[in-house]
Amino acid sequence: MVVMERLLAGGVTAMIAAMIAAMIAAMIAAVALGCGVDPPTEGEKCLGTPCAEGLYCKRPTGKSKGKCERLPDVGQDCSDAECVQGARCETENPGTAEAARVCVELDPVGAPCMGHDPCATEYCPAGFCAERPLEGEPCPADICGENLFCRDEVCE
């Protein structure tokens, strides 16, 4: 009986040691991701970590691993990714057999809009893309120009 208890104790000790080693390895990997280790670049494998700027992790359907690829540019398919900066993903020919998700340029100031997202300035106060309010100007939509914030409905 004593021999059996010692064997079990030894096995449990080895199992605990293996679990601790795995936990330490996982913690080291997690720290490395946030402490000076560069994100994967184009063509490199990615798994749950963001790719370098301008890239995304393209994963085959149902898979957790993928490869870093460039974000789609204007005119390219964006059915599984965001678009490059300055573009948005939009459905072309909705409701038809030719419907596709394609990157299109953001709308310039003066273009008609319904919501802030389509505008290059991300500001659509009255149905048209507009420049964001500057310091001292009213901010009824709680949106201000770069490095400003809205306080008491005025950009500061």
N, C-alpha and C. Protein backbone atom coordinates (compact mmCIF):
# COMPACT_ATOMS: atom_id res chain seq x y z
N MET A 1 0.82 -1.20 0.00
CA MET A 1 0.00 0.00 0.00
C MET A 1 0.86 1.25 0.00
N VAL A 2 1.92 1.26 0.83
CA VAL A 2 2.82 2.40 0.90
C VAL A 2 3.52 2.60 -0.44
N VAL A 3 3.91 1.51 -1.11
CA VAL A 3 4.57 1.60 -2.40
C VAL A 3 3.63 2.23 -3.42
N MET A 4 2.37 1.82 -3.42
CA MET A 4 1.37 2.37 -4.34
C MET A 4 1.19 3.86 -4.09
N GLU A 5 1.12 4.29 -2.85
CA GLU A 5 0.98 5.70 -2.53
C GLU A 5 2.18 6.50 -3.03
N ARG A 6 3.38 5.93 -2.87
CA ARG A 6 4.58 6.63 -3.34
C ARG A 6 4.58 6.75 -4.87
N LEU A 7 4.15 5.69 -5.56
CA LEU A 7 4.10 5.73 -7.02
C LEU A 7 3.10 6.78 -7.49
N LEU A 8 1.93 6.80 -6.86
CA LEU A 8 0.93 7.79 -7.21
C LEU A 8 1.44 9.19 -6.92
N ALA A 9 2.08 9.35 -5.77
CA ALA A 9 2.62 10.66 -5.40
C ALA A 9 3.68 11.09 -6.42
N GLY A 10 4.53 10.18 -6.83
CA GLY A 10 5.56 10.50 -7.83
C GLY A 10 4.93 10.87 -9.16
N GLY A 11 3.91 10.13 -9.57
CA GLY A 11 3.23 10.43 -10.84
C GLY A 11 2.54 11.77 -10.79
N VAL A 12 1.90 12.05 -9.67
CA VAL A 12 1.21 13.33 -9.52
C VAL A 12 2.23 14.46 -9.52
N THR A 13 3.35 14.26 -8.85
CA THR A 13 4.39 15.29 -8.81
C THR A 13 4.91 15.56 -10.22
N ALA A 14 5.15 14.53 -11.00
CA ALA A 14 5.62 14.71 -12.38
C ALA A 14 4.57 15.42 -13.22
N MET A 15 3.31 15.07 -13.02
CA MET A 15 2.23 15.70 -13.77
C MET A 15 2.13 17.18 -13.41
N ILE A 16 2.23 17.48 -12.13
CA ILE A 16 2.18 18.88 -11.69
C ILE A 16 3.36 19.65 -12.25
N ALA A 17 4.55 19.05 -12.24
CA ALA A 17 5.74 19.71 -12.78
C ALA A 17 5.56 20.00 -14.26
N ALA A 18 4.98 19.05 -15.00
CA ALA A 18 4.75 19.25 -16.44
C ALA A 18 3.74 20.37 -16.67
N MET A 19 2.70 20.43 -15.85
CA MET A 19 1.70 21.49 -15.98
C MET A 19 2.31 22.85 -15.68
N ILE A 20 3.14 22.93 -14.64
CA ILE A 20 3.79 24.19 -14.29
C ILE A 20 4.72 24.63 -15.42
N ALA A 21 5.48 23.69 -15.99
CA ALA A 21 6.38 24.02 -17.09
C ALA A 21 5.59 24.57 -18.29
N ALA A 22 4.45 23.96 -18.59
CA ALA A 22 3.63 24.42 -19.71
C ALA A 22 3.08 25.81 -19.42
N MET A 23 2.66 26.06 -18.19
CA MET A 23 2.14 27.38 -17.83
C MET A 23 3.23 28.44 -17.93
N ILE A 24 4.44 28.11 -17.49
CA ILE A 24 5.54 29.07 -17.57
C ILE A 24 5.86 29.38 -19.03
N ALA A 25 5.88 28.36 -19.87
CA ALA A 25 6.15 28.56 -21.30
C ALA A 25 5.08 29.46 -21.92
N ALA A 26 3.82 29.25 -21.57
CA ALA A 26 2.74 30.08 -22.09
C ALA A 26 2.87 31.52 -21.62
N MET A 27 3.25 31.72 -20.35
CA MET A 27 3.42 33.07 -19.83
C MET A 27 4.59 33.77 -20.52
N ILE A 28 5.68 33.06 -20.75
CA ILE A 28 6.83 33.65 -21.44
C ILE A 28 6.43 34.06 -22.85
N ALA A 29 5.69 33.21 -23.55
CA ALA A 29 5.24 33.53 -24.91
C ALA A 29 4.33 34.76 -24.90
N ALA A 30 3.43 34.85 -23.91
CA ALA A 30 2.52 35.98 -23.82
C ALA A 30 3.28 37.27 -23.55
N VAL A 31 4.26 37.22 -22.67
CA VAL A 31 5.06 38.40 -22.37
C VAL A 31 5.86 38.81 -23.59
N ALA A 32 6.42 37.84 -24.31
CA ALA A 32 7.22 38.14 -25.50
C ALA A 32 6.39 38.86 -26.54
N LEU A 33 5.13 38.50 -26.70
CA LEU A 33 4.28 39.14 -27.70
C LEU A 33 4.09 40.62 -27.42
N GLY A 34 4.09 40.99 -26.15
CA GLY A 34 3.85 42.39 -25.82
C GLY A 34 5.10 43.15 -25.45
N CYS A 35 6.26 42.53 -25.52
CA CYS A 35 7.48 43.18 -25.03
C CYS A 35 8.59 43.16 -26.07
N GLY A 36 8.41 43.89 -27.15
CA GLY A 36 9.49 44.08 -28.09
C GLY A 36 9.61 43.03 -29.17
N VAL A 37 8.79 42.03 -29.19
CA VAL A 37 8.85 41.04 -30.26
C VAL A 37 8.00 41.57 -31.41
N ASP A 38 8.59 41.61 -32.59
CA ASP A 38 7.88 42.15 -33.74
C ASP A 38 6.75 41.22 -34.16
N PRO A 39 5.62 41.81 -34.59
CA PRO A 39 4.51 40.98 -35.08
C PRO A 39 4.90 40.30 -36.40
N PRO A 40 4.21 39.23 -36.76
CA PRO A 40 4.54 38.54 -38.01
C PRO A 40 4.40 39.46 -39.21
N THR A 41 5.29 39.26 -40.20
CA THR A 41 5.28 40.07 -41.41
C THR A 41 4.66 39.28 -42.55
N GLU A 42 4.59 39.89 -43.72
CA GLU A 42 3.93 39.27 -44.87
C GLU A 42 4.49 37.88 -45.17
N GLY A 43 3.58 36.91 -45.29
CA GLY A 43 3.96 35.54 -45.59
C GLY A 43 4.26 34.69 -44.37
N GLU A 44 4.42 35.31 -43.20
CA GLU A 44 4.71 34.55 -41.99
C GLU A 44 3.42 34.01 -41.38
N LYS A 45 3.55 32.93 -40.62
CA LYS A 45 2.40 32.33 -39.96
C LYS A 45 1.89 33.24 -38.86
N CYS A 46 0.58 33.20 -38.64
CA CYS A 46 -0.05 33.98 -37.57
C CYS A 46 -1.06 33.08 -36.85
N LEU A 47 -1.13 33.26 -35.55
CA LEU A 47 -2.04 32.47 -34.74
C LEU A 47 -2.49 33.33 -33.56
N GLY A 48 -3.61 33.98 -33.71
CA GLY A 48 -4.16 34.75 -32.59
C GLY A 48 -3.40 36.02 -32.26
N THR A 49 -2.43 36.40 -33.07
CA THR A 49 -1.71 37.64 -32.84
C THR A 49 -1.88 38.52 -34.06
N PRO A 50 -1.90 39.83 -33.86
CA PRO A 50 -2.05 40.70 -35.03
C PRO A 50 -0.78 40.68 -35.88
N CYS A 51 -0.96 40.84 -37.17
CA CYS A 51 0.17 40.92 -38.09
C CYS A 51 0.72 42.35 -38.06
N ALA A 52 1.84 42.56 -38.74
CA ALA A 52 2.43 43.89 -38.84
C ALA A 52 1.44 44.85 -39.50
N GLU A 53 1.69 46.14 -39.36
CA GLU A 53 0.79 47.17 -39.89
C GLU A 53 0.59 46.98 -41.39
N GLY A 54 -0.66 47.13 -41.83
CA GLY A 54 -1.00 46.99 -43.24
C GLY A 54 -1.26 45.56 -43.67
N LEU A 55 -1.20 44.62 -42.71
CA LEU A 55 -1.41 43.20 -43.00
C LEU A 55 -2.54 42.67 -42.14
N TYR A 56 -3.08 41.52 -42.53
CA TYR A 56 -4.07 40.82 -41.72
C TYR A 56 -3.76 39.34 -41.76
N CYS A 57 -4.31 38.60 -40.80
CA CYS A 57 -4.08 37.16 -40.73
C CYS A 57 -5.17 36.45 -41.52
N LYS A 58 -4.80 35.97 -42.72
CA LYS A 58 -5.76 35.26 -43.57
C LYS A 58 -5.73 33.79 -43.18
N ARG A 59 -6.88 33.33 -42.67
CA ARG A 59 -6.99 31.94 -42.20
C ARG A 59 -7.95 31.19 -43.11
N PRO A 60 -7.56 29.96 -43.50
CA PRO A 60 -8.52 29.13 -44.24
C PRO A 60 -9.75 28.88 -43.37
N THR A 61 -10.90 28.72 -43.98
CA THR A 61 -12.14 28.51 -43.25
C THR A 61 -11.99 27.35 -42.27
N GLY A 62 -12.37 27.61 -41.03
CA GLY A 62 -12.34 26.57 -40.00
C GLY A 62 -10.97 26.34 -39.38
N LYS A 63 -9.96 27.10 -39.76
CA LYS A 63 -8.61 26.91 -39.23
C LYS A 63 -8.26 28.06 -38.29
N SER A 64 -7.39 27.76 -37.31
CA SER A 64 -6.97 28.80 -36.38
C SER A 64 -5.65 29.44 -36.82
N LYS A 65 -4.86 28.73 -37.63
CA LYS A 65 -3.59 29.27 -38.12
C LYS A 65 -3.78 29.85 -39.51
N GLY A 66 -2.99 30.87 -39.80
CA GLY A 66 -3.05 31.47 -41.12
C GLY A 66 -1.72 32.08 -41.48
N LYS A 67 -1.71 32.90 -42.54
CA LYS A 67 -0.51 33.61 -42.96
C LYS A 67 -0.85 35.09 -43.10
N CYS A 68 0.11 35.94 -42.76
CA CYS A 68 -0.09 37.38 -42.88
C CYS A 68 -0.06 37.78 -44.36
N GLU A 69 -1.10 38.51 -44.77
CA GLU A 69 -1.20 39.01 -46.14
C GLU A 69 -1.52 40.50 -46.10
N ARG A 70 -1.24 41.18 -47.20
CA ARG A 70 -1.53 42.62 -47.29
C ARG A 70 -3.04 42.84 -47.23
N LEU A 71 -3.44 43.94 -46.57
CA LEU A 71 -4.85 44.32 -46.57
C LEU A 71 -5.26 44.63 -48.01
N PRO A 72 -6.48 44.27 -48.39
CA PRO A 72 -6.93 44.55 -49.75
C PRO A 72 -6.97 46.05 -50.03
N ASP A 73 -6.62 46.41 -51.27
CA ASP A 73 -6.61 47.80 -51.72
C ASP A 73 -7.91 48.09 -52.46
N VAL A 74 -8.11 49.34 -52.85
CA VAL A 74 -9.31 49.75 -53.58
C VAL A 74 -9.47 48.85 -54.82
N GLY A 75 -10.69 48.32 -54.99
CA GLY A 75 -11.00 47.45 -56.12
C GLY A 75 -10.79 45.98 -55.86
N GLN A 76 -10.16 45.64 -54.73
CA GLN A 76 -9.90 44.23 -54.41
C GLN A 76 -10.97 43.66 -53.49
N ASP A 77 -11.10 42.34 -53.51
CA ASP A 77 -12.05 41.62 -52.67
C ASP A 77 -11.71 41.82 -51.20
N CYS A 78 -12.73 42.07 -50.38
CA CYS A 78 -12.52 42.27 -48.95
C CYS A 78 -13.50 41.42 -48.15
N SER A 79 -13.88 40.28 -48.69
CA SER A 79 -14.89 39.45 -48.02
C SER A 79 -14.37 38.85 -46.72
N ASP A 80 -13.05 38.77 -46.54
CA ASP A 80 -12.53 38.21 -45.29
C ASP A 80 -11.54 39.14 -44.59
N ALA A 81 -11.56 40.44 -44.92
CA ALA A 81 -10.62 41.36 -44.29
C ALA A 81 -11.13 42.79 -44.35
N GLU A 82 -10.51 43.64 -43.55
CA GLU A 82 -10.73 45.07 -43.67
C GLU A 82 -9.94 45.55 -44.87
N CYS A 83 -10.12 46.79 -45.25
CA CYS A 83 -9.39 47.36 -46.38
C CYS A 83 -8.21 48.19 -45.88
N VAL A 84 -7.35 48.60 -46.82
CA VAL A 84 -6.25 49.48 -46.47
C VAL A 84 -6.81 50.78 -45.92
N GLN A 85 -5.94 51.55 -45.24
CA GLN A 85 -6.36 52.84 -44.72
C GLN A 85 -6.82 53.73 -45.87
N GLY A 86 -7.92 54.43 -45.68
CA GLY A 86 -8.46 55.30 -46.71
C GLY A 86 -9.50 54.62 -47.58
N ALA A 87 -9.83 53.37 -47.24
CA ALA A 87 -10.85 52.63 -48.01
C ALA A 87 -11.77 51.91 -47.04
N ARG A 88 -12.92 51.50 -47.57
CA ARG A 88 -13.87 50.72 -46.77
C ARG A 88 -14.38 49.57 -47.61
N CYS A 89 -14.90 48.55 -46.95
CA CYS A 89 -15.43 47.38 -47.63
C CYS A 89 -16.92 47.58 -47.85
N GLU A 90 -17.36 47.41 -49.10
CA GLU A 90 -18.76 47.64 -49.45
C GLU A 90 -19.25 46.53 -50.38
N THR A 91 -20.52 46.23 -50.28
CA THR A 91 -21.11 45.22 -51.17
C THR A 91 -21.49 45.88 -52.48
N GLU A 92 -20.94 45.38 -53.57
CA GLU A 92 -21.31 45.85 -54.90
C GLU A 92 -22.35 44.91 -55.48
N ASN A 93 -23.30 45.43 -56.19
CA ASN A 93 -24.38 44.66 -56.81
C ASN A 93 -25.13 43.81 -55.78
N PRO A 94 -25.57 44.42 -54.67
CA PRO A 94 -26.28 43.62 -53.65
C PRO A 94 -27.54 42.98 -54.21
N GLY A 95 -27.84 41.79 -53.72
CA GLY A 95 -29.05 41.08 -54.13
C GLY A 95 -28.98 40.42 -55.49
N THR A 96 -27.78 40.40 -56.08
CA THR A 96 -27.62 39.75 -57.39
C THR A 96 -26.60 38.63 -57.28
N ALA A 97 -26.52 37.82 -58.33
CA ALA A 97 -25.54 36.74 -58.36
C ALA A 97 -24.12 37.29 -58.40
N GLU A 98 -23.96 38.56 -58.85
CA GLU A 98 -22.64 39.17 -58.94
C GLU A 98 -22.26 39.93 -57.66
N ALA A 99 -23.06 39.84 -56.61
CA ALA A 99 -22.77 40.56 -55.37
C ALA A 99 -21.39 40.17 -54.87
N ALA A 100 -20.61 41.17 -54.48
CA ALA A 100 -19.26 40.92 -53.99
C ALA A 100 -18.87 42.02 -53.00
N ARG A 101 -18.01 41.66 -52.06
CA ARG A 101 -17.46 42.63 -51.11
C ARG A 101 -16.17 43.17 -51.70
N VAL A 102 -16.11 44.49 -51.94
CA VAL A 102 -14.98 45.11 -52.61
C VAL A 102 -14.58 46.38 -51.87
N CYS A 103 -13.27 46.65 -51.80
CA CYS A 103 -12.78 47.88 -51.18
C CYS A 103 -13.06 49.07 -52.10
N VAL A 104 -13.62 50.13 -51.52
CA VAL A 104 -13.87 51.37 -52.25
C VAL A 104 -13.26 52.52 -51.45
N GLU A 105 -12.93 53.60 -52.15
CA GLU A 105 -12.36 54.77 -51.48
C GLU A 105 -13.38 55.39 -50.54
N LEU A 106 -12.88 55.97 -49.45
CA LEU A 106 -13.75 56.72 -48.55
C LEU A 106 -14.22 57.98 -49.27
N ASP A 107 -15.39 58.45 -48.91
CA ASP A 107 -15.99 59.60 -49.58
C ASP A 107 -15.33 60.91 -49.16
N PRO A 108 -15.13 61.84 -50.11
CA PRO A 108 -14.51 63.13 -49.79
C PRO A 108 -15.50 64.09 -49.14
N VAL A 109 -14.98 65.18 -48.62
CA VAL A 109 -15.82 66.24 -48.07
C VAL A 109 -16.79 66.71 -49.16
N GLY A 110 -18.06 66.83 -48.80
CA GLY A 110 -19.10 67.27 -49.73
C GLY A 110 -19.91 66.14 -50.32
N ALA A 111 -19.42 64.90 -50.20
CA ALA A 111 -20.16 63.76 -50.75
C ALA A 111 -21.36 63.45 -49.86
N PRO A 112 -22.49 63.03 -50.45
CA PRO A 112 -23.64 62.66 -49.62
C PRO A 112 -23.31 61.43 -48.77
N CYS A 113 -23.86 61.39 -47.57
CA CYS A 113 -23.57 60.26 -46.67
C CYS A 113 -24.74 60.00 -45.73
N MET A 114 -24.77 58.79 -45.24
CA MET A 114 -25.72 58.40 -44.20
C MET A 114 -24.90 57.74 -43.11
N GLY A 115 -24.45 58.49 -42.16
CA GLY A 115 -23.57 57.98 -41.11
C GLY A 115 -22.14 58.42 -41.37
N HIS A 116 -21.30 58.37 -40.34
CA HIS A 116 -19.94 58.87 -40.40
C HIS A 116 -18.97 57.95 -41.14
N ASP A 117 -19.20 56.63 -41.13
CA ASP A 117 -18.22 55.66 -41.64
C ASP A 117 -17.79 55.86 -43.09
N PRO A 118 -18.67 56.19 -44.03
CA PRO A 118 -18.21 56.29 -45.42
C PRO A 118 -17.30 57.49 -45.69
N CYS A 119 -17.26 58.45 -44.79
CA CYS A 119 -16.52 59.69 -45.03
C CYS A 119 -15.04 59.55 -44.65
N ALA A 120 -14.17 60.13 -45.47
CA ALA A 120 -12.74 60.12 -45.18
C ALA A 120 -12.46 60.83 -43.85
N THR A 121 -13.27 61.82 -43.52
CA THR A 121 -13.11 62.56 -42.26
C THR A 121 -13.83 61.89 -41.10
N GLU A 122 -14.59 60.83 -41.41
CA GLU A 122 -15.42 60.12 -40.42
C GLU A 122 -16.40 61.09 -39.75
N TYR A 123 -16.94 62.03 -40.53
CA TYR A 123 -17.86 63.03 -40.00
C TYR A 123 -18.91 63.37 -41.04
N CYS A 124 -20.17 63.05 -40.72
CA CYS A 124 -21.31 63.30 -41.61
C CYS A 124 -22.41 63.96 -40.79
N PRO A 125 -22.30 65.27 -40.56
CA PRO A 125 -23.24 65.92 -39.64
C PRO A 125 -24.63 66.18 -40.21
N ALA A 126 -24.77 66.37 -41.52
CA ALA A 126 -26.08 66.75 -42.06
C ALA A 126 -26.31 66.15 -43.43
N GLY A 127 -25.92 64.89 -43.59
CA GLY A 127 -26.15 64.22 -44.87
C GLY A 127 -25.05 64.41 -45.89
N PHE A 128 -23.97 65.14 -45.52
CA PHE A 128 -22.83 65.34 -46.41
C PHE A 128 -21.55 65.24 -45.59
N CYS A 129 -20.51 64.59 -46.16
CA CYS A 129 -19.22 64.50 -45.47
C CYS A 129 -18.68 65.91 -45.27
N ALA A 130 -18.14 66.16 -44.09
CA ALA A 130 -17.63 67.49 -43.76
C ALA A 130 -16.33 67.37 -42.97
N GLU A 131 -15.61 68.49 -42.92
CA GLU A 131 -14.42 68.55 -42.07
C GLU A 131 -14.89 68.48 -40.62
N ARG A 132 -14.08 67.88 -39.77
CA ARG A 132 -14.40 67.82 -38.34
C ARG A 132 -14.28 69.22 -37.73
N PRO A 133 -15.13 69.52 -36.73
CA PRO A 133 -15.07 70.84 -36.09
C PRO A 133 -13.71 71.11 -35.45
N LEU A 134 -13.28 72.37 -35.52
CA LEU A 134 -12.00 72.80 -34.95
C LEU A 134 -12.22 73.38 -33.56
N GLU A 135 -11.14 73.77 -32.92
CA GLU A 135 -11.21 74.32 -31.57
C GLU A 135 -12.14 75.53 -31.53
N GLY A 136 -13.05 75.52 -30.55
CA GLY A 136 -14.00 76.61 -30.36
C GLY A 136 -15.29 76.43 -31.14
N GLU A 137 -15.32 75.47 -32.07
CA GLU A 137 -16.53 75.25 -32.86
C GLU A 137 -17.45 74.27 -32.15
N PRO A 138 -18.76 74.35 -32.41
CA PRO A 138 -19.70 73.42 -31.77
C PRO A 138 -19.47 71.99 -32.25
N CYS A 139 -19.78 71.04 -31.37
CA CYS A 139 -19.62 69.61 -31.71
C CYS A 139 -20.88 68.85 -31.32
N PRO A 140 -21.99 69.07 -32.03
CA PRO A 140 -23.25 68.42 -31.66
C PRO A 140 -23.20 66.90 -31.77
N ALA A 141 -22.34 66.37 -32.61
CA ALA A 141 -22.25 64.91 -32.75
C ALA A 141 -21.17 64.34 -31.85
N ASP A 142 -20.63 65.16 -30.94
CA ASP A 142 -19.58 64.74 -30.02
C ASP A 142 -18.31 64.34 -30.77
N ILE A 143 -18.07 64.96 -31.93
CA ILE A 143 -16.90 64.69 -32.76
C ILE A 143 -16.15 65.99 -32.97
N CYS A 144 -14.82 65.93 -32.83
CA CYS A 144 -13.97 67.10 -33.05
C CYS A 144 -12.79 66.73 -33.93
N GLY A 145 -12.04 67.75 -34.35
CA GLY A 145 -10.84 67.54 -35.14
C GLY A 145 -9.78 66.80 -34.33
N GLU A 146 -8.67 66.52 -35.01
CA GLU A 146 -7.58 65.75 -34.42
C GLU A 146 -7.06 66.41 -33.15
N ASN A 147 -6.81 65.60 -32.13
CA ASN A 147 -6.28 66.01 -30.83
C ASN A 147 -7.20 66.96 -30.06
N LEU A 148 -8.47 67.01 -30.44
CA LEU A 148 -9.45 67.82 -29.72
C LEU A 148 -10.52 66.90 -29.13
N PHE A 149 -11.22 67.40 -28.14
CA PHE A 149 -12.35 66.65 -27.58
C PHE A 149 -13.51 67.60 -27.36
N CYS A 150 -14.69 67.02 -27.25
CA CYS A 150 -15.91 67.80 -27.10
C CYS A 150 -16.25 67.94 -25.62
N ARG A 151 -16.36 69.19 -25.18
CA ARG A 151 -16.76 69.46 -23.79
C ARG A 151 -17.83 70.53 -23.83
N ASP A 152 -18.96 70.23 -23.22
CA ASP A 152 -20.09 71.17 -23.20
C ASP A 152 -20.46 71.60 -24.62
N GLU A 153 -20.44 70.64 -25.56
CA GLU A 153 -20.81 70.83 -26.95
C GLU A 153 -19.92 71.82 -27.71
N VAL A 154 -18.65 71.99 -27.24
CA VAL A 154 -17.67 72.84 -27.93
C VAL A 154 -16.35 72.07 -27.98
N CYS A 155 -15.68 72.12 -29.15
CA CYS A 155 -14.39 71.43 -29.30
C CYS A 155 -13.29 72.20 -28.57
N GLU A 156 -12.51 71.46 -27.80
CA GLU A 156 -11.38 72.05 -27.06
C GLU A 156 -10.10 71.35 -27.46
